[in-house]
Amino acid sequence: MSAASSSSATPVLDARIRTASVVVLAMAMSVVLFAVVGTAIRPDSPNTAADALLYPLVAAALLTLVASVIIRRISYQPARLLAAHAAGGEPGLADLLLRVTIVSSALGEAVGILGLILGIVSADMYYAYVLCGIALLAVLSNFPRARQWRDLSTEITQRARSGTAGGGFGQGL
């Protein structure tokens, strides 16, 4: 990491990185807890209504997962990042990164909740384990990459100072 990138990161950005890290880890732990709770309270006999709920709940989980990815991809477009920085400076950009991380992680966590519901209703924990595993991956994929957040903030701040626009930054967030 260059001296320029480490010196431009503000305490606000570092605080948002820490907050995002804690929130994502807490959501990941809750997804694991969903699988544990589902195993502990699953009924012994399957519910006859489970067949009717199987496809709608799996479809809802899939749509929620896709929404998580789409929100993240749209929100990290260079134009949106530049607009957030132009509106609020580095704190505005840090707030956007935090907000997108939380929303995308929450949608990923919702996949685990749907898995828990489906596992309990069907008395077959296979669905809960699969959907909780997918949810765990979705949540952890949102874990903030501190160095990338700092580099992105530094690059946008330098571009704002120099008056240049556009760019292929924001990749890999």
Protein backbone atom coordinates (compact mmCIF):
# COMPACT_ATOMS: atom_id res chain seq x y z
CA MET A 1 0.00 0.00 0.00
CA SER A 2 1.36 3.39 -0.92
CA ALA A 3 1.81 6.23 1.49
CA ALA A 4 -0.80 8.26 -0.39
CA SER A 5 -3.52 5.67 0.03
CA SER A 6 -2.92 5.19 3.74
CA SER A 7 -2.76 8.92 4.46
CA SER A 8 -6.03 9.84 2.75
CA ALA A 9 -8.19 7.34 4.63
CA THR A 10 -10.08 9.25 7.26
CA PRO A 11 -11.20 8.03 10.65
CA VAL A 12 -14.76 8.11 9.25
CA LEU A 13 -13.85 5.58 6.55
CA ASP A 14 -12.03 3.39 9.05
CA ALA A 15 -15.03 3.52 11.39
CA ARG A 16 -17.37 2.47 8.54
CA ILE A 17 -15.03 -0.40 7.67
CA ARG A 18 -15.09 -1.62 11.28
CA THR A 19 -18.87 -1.24 11.50
CA ALA A 20 -19.40 -3.11 8.23
CA SER A 21 -17.07 -5.90 9.38
CA VAL A 22 -18.94 -6.35 12.65
CA VAL A 23 -22.35 -6.27 10.96
CA VAL A 24 -21.36 -8.82 8.29
CA LEU A 25 -19.83 -11.17 10.87
CA ALA A 26 -22.93 -10.88 13.06
CA MET A 27 -25.16 -11.71 10.09
CA ALA A 28 -22.95 -14.66 9.18
CA MET A 29 -23.21 -15.98 12.73
CA SER A 30 -26.99 -15.58 12.63
CA VAL A 31 -27.14 -17.70 9.46
CA VAL A 32 -25.19 -20.44 11.23
CA LEU A 33 -27.57 -20.07 14.16
CA PHE A 34 -30.54 -20.55 11.82
CA ALA A 35 -29.24 -23.99 10.86
CA VAL A 36 -28.61 -24.91 14.49
CA VAL A 37 -32.03 -23.71 15.64
CA GLY A 38 -33.73 -25.44 12.73
CA THR A 39 -32.05 -28.70 13.64
CA ALA A 40 -33.07 -28.35 17.27
CA ILE A 41 -36.74 -27.52 16.71
CA ARG A 42 -37.58 -29.42 13.55
CA PRO A 43 -40.77 -31.43 13.84
CA ASP A 44 -40.66 -35.22 13.67
CA SER A 45 -43.36 -35.61 11.05
CA PRO A 46 -43.52 -33.71 7.76
CA ASN A 47 -46.27 -31.23 7.18
CA THR A 48 -48.56 -31.99 4.24
CA ALA A 49 -48.58 -28.30 3.30
CA ALA A 50 -44.81 -28.38 2.82
CA ASP A 51 -45.10 -29.51 -0.79
CA ALA A 52 -47.18 -26.47 -1.62
CA LEU A 53 -44.60 -24.17 0.00
CA LEU A 54 -41.48 -25.77 -1.46
CA TYR A 55 -41.39 -24.00 -4.82
CA PRO A 56 -42.56 -20.57 -3.64
CA LEU A 57 -40.04 -20.48 -0.79
CA VAL A 58 -37.16 -21.68 -2.97
CA ALA A 59 -38.15 -19.14 -5.64
CA ALA A 60 -38.28 -16.39 -3.01
CA ALA A 61 -34.83 -17.42 -1.76
CA LEU A 62 -33.46 -17.33 -5.30
CA LEU A 63 -34.98 -13.90 -6.00
CA THR A 64 -33.62 -12.57 -2.72
CA LEU A 65 -30.16 -13.86 -3.54
CA VAL A 66 -30.28 -12.31 -7.01
CA ALA A 67 -31.50 -9.01 -5.51
CA SER A 68 -28.52 -9.05 -3.14
CA VAL A 69 -26.09 -9.37 -6.02
CA ILE A 70 -27.88 -6.83 -8.24
CA ILE A 71 -28.02 -4.17 -5.53
CA ARG A 72 -24.33 -4.58 -4.91
CA ARG A 73 -23.41 -4.44 -8.61
CA ILE A 74 -25.58 -1.40 -9.32
CA SER A 75 -24.48 0.51 -6.24
CA TYR A 76 -20.78 0.05 -6.98
CA GLN A 77 -20.98 1.57 -10.44
CA PRO A 78 -18.37 4.34 -10.86
CA ALA A 79 -21.04 7.00 -11.52
CA ARG A 80 -22.81 6.20 -8.22
CA LEU A 81 -19.55 6.20 -6.29
CA LEU A 82 -18.56 9.56 -7.79
CA ALA A 83 -22.00 11.00 -7.03
CA ALA A 84 -21.80 9.85 -3.41
CA HIS A 85 -18.36 11.42 -3.07
CA ALA A 86 -19.48 14.64 -4.78
CA ALA A 87 -22.49 14.91 -2.46
CA GLY A 88 -20.78 14.11 0.82
CA GLY A 89 -17.05 13.79 0.32
CA GLU A 90 -15.26 10.81 1.78
CA PRO A 91 -17.83 10.42 4.59
CA GLY A 92 -20.60 10.25 1.97
CA LEU A 93 -18.72 7.59 0.04
CA ALA A 94 -18.05 5.65 3.25
CA ASP A 95 -21.74 5.83 4.15
CA LEU A 96 -22.70 4.49 0.71
CA LEU A 97 -20.26 1.59 1.00
CA LEU A 98 -21.57 0.76 4.48
CA ARG A 99 -25.21 1.01 3.45
CA VAL A 100 -24.75 -1.21 0.39
CA THR A 101 -22.84 -3.77 2.46
CA ILE A 102 -25.58 -3.93 5.08
CA VAL A 103 -28.47 -4.12 2.60
CA SER A 104 -26.79 -6.74 0.43
CA SER A 105 -25.82 -8.80 3.49
CA ALA A 106 -29.34 -8.57 4.90
CA LEU A 107 -30.77 -9.89 1.64
CA GLY A 108 -28.26 -12.73 1.79
CA GLU A 109 -29.30 -13.43 5.36
CA ALA A 110 -32.94 -13.54 4.25
CA VAL A 111 -32.06 -16.60 2.15
CA GLY A 112 -31.09 -18.35 5.39
CA ILE A 113 -34.34 -17.30 7.04
CA LEU A 114 -36.30 -18.76 4.14
CA GLY A 115 -34.25 -21.95 4.46
CA LEU A 116 -35.04 -22.14 8.15
CA ILE A 117 -38.76 -21.71 7.46
CA LEU A 118 -38.69 -24.34 4.75
CA GLY A 119 -36.73 -26.77 6.92
CA ILE A 120 -39.16 -26.42 9.81
CA VAL A 121 -42.28 -26.61 7.67
CA SER A 122 -41.10 -29.62 5.67
CA ALA A 123 -39.36 -31.35 8.60
CA ASP A 124 -36.49 -31.94 6.16
CA MET A 125 -33.43 -29.98 7.20
CA TYR A 126 -31.80 -30.56 3.81
CA TYR A 127 -33.43 -27.36 2.54
CA ALA A 128 -32.38 -25.40 5.57
CA TYR A 129 -28.78 -26.57 5.31
CA VAL A 130 -28.52 -25.85 1.59
CA LEU A 131 -30.14 -22.43 1.79
CA CYS A 132 -28.21 -21.52 4.94
CA GLY A 133 -24.98 -22.52 3.20
CA ILE A 134 -25.86 -20.34 0.23
CA ALA A 135 -26.85 -17.53 2.59
CA LEU A 136 -23.57 -17.80 4.45
CA LEU A 137 -21.65 -17.44 1.20
CA ALA A 138 -23.83 -14.49 0.18
CA VAL A 139 -23.30 -12.72 3.49
CA LEU A 140 -19.56 -13.35 3.65
CA SER A 141 -19.11 -12.15 0.07
CA ASN A 142 -20.08 -8.72 1.40
CA PHE A 143 -17.29 -8.63 3.97
CA PRO A 144 -15.60 -5.25 3.49
CA ARG A 145 -12.18 -5.33 1.91
CA ALA A 146 -10.55 -2.53 3.89
CA ARG A 147 -7.64 -1.97 1.55
CA GLN A 148 -9.92 -1.76 -1.48
CA TRP A 149 -12.27 0.66 0.28
CA ARG A 150 -9.29 2.86 1.21
CA ASP A 151 -7.77 2.69 -2.28
CA LEU A 152 -11.13 3.52 -3.84
CA SER A 153 -11.63 6.48 -1.53
CA THR A 154 -8.12 7.72 -2.23
CA GLU A 155 -8.55 7.44 -5.99
CA ILE A 156 -11.91 9.21 -6.01
CA THR A 157 -10.60 11.95 -3.71
CA GLN A 158 -7.57 12.48 -5.94
CA ARG A 159 -9.76 12.59 -9.06
CA ALA A 160 -12.06 15.11 -7.39
CA ARG A 161 -9.09 17.32 -6.51
CA SER A 162 -7.62 17.11 -10.00
CA GLY A 163 -10.98 17.49 -11.75
CA THR A 164 -10.79 14.26 -13.77
CA ALA A 165 -13.83 12.04 -14.16
CA GLY A 166 -14.75 8.55 -15.37
CA GLY A 167 -12.67 5.56 -14.68
CA GLY A 168 -12.52 1.88 -14.11
CA PHE A 169 -12.24 2.03 -10.36
CA GLY A 170 -14.46 0.21 -7.93
CA GLN A 171 -13.66 -3.18 -9.41
CA GLY A 172 -13.49 -6.08 -6.96
CA LEU A 173 -15.47 -4.47 -4.15
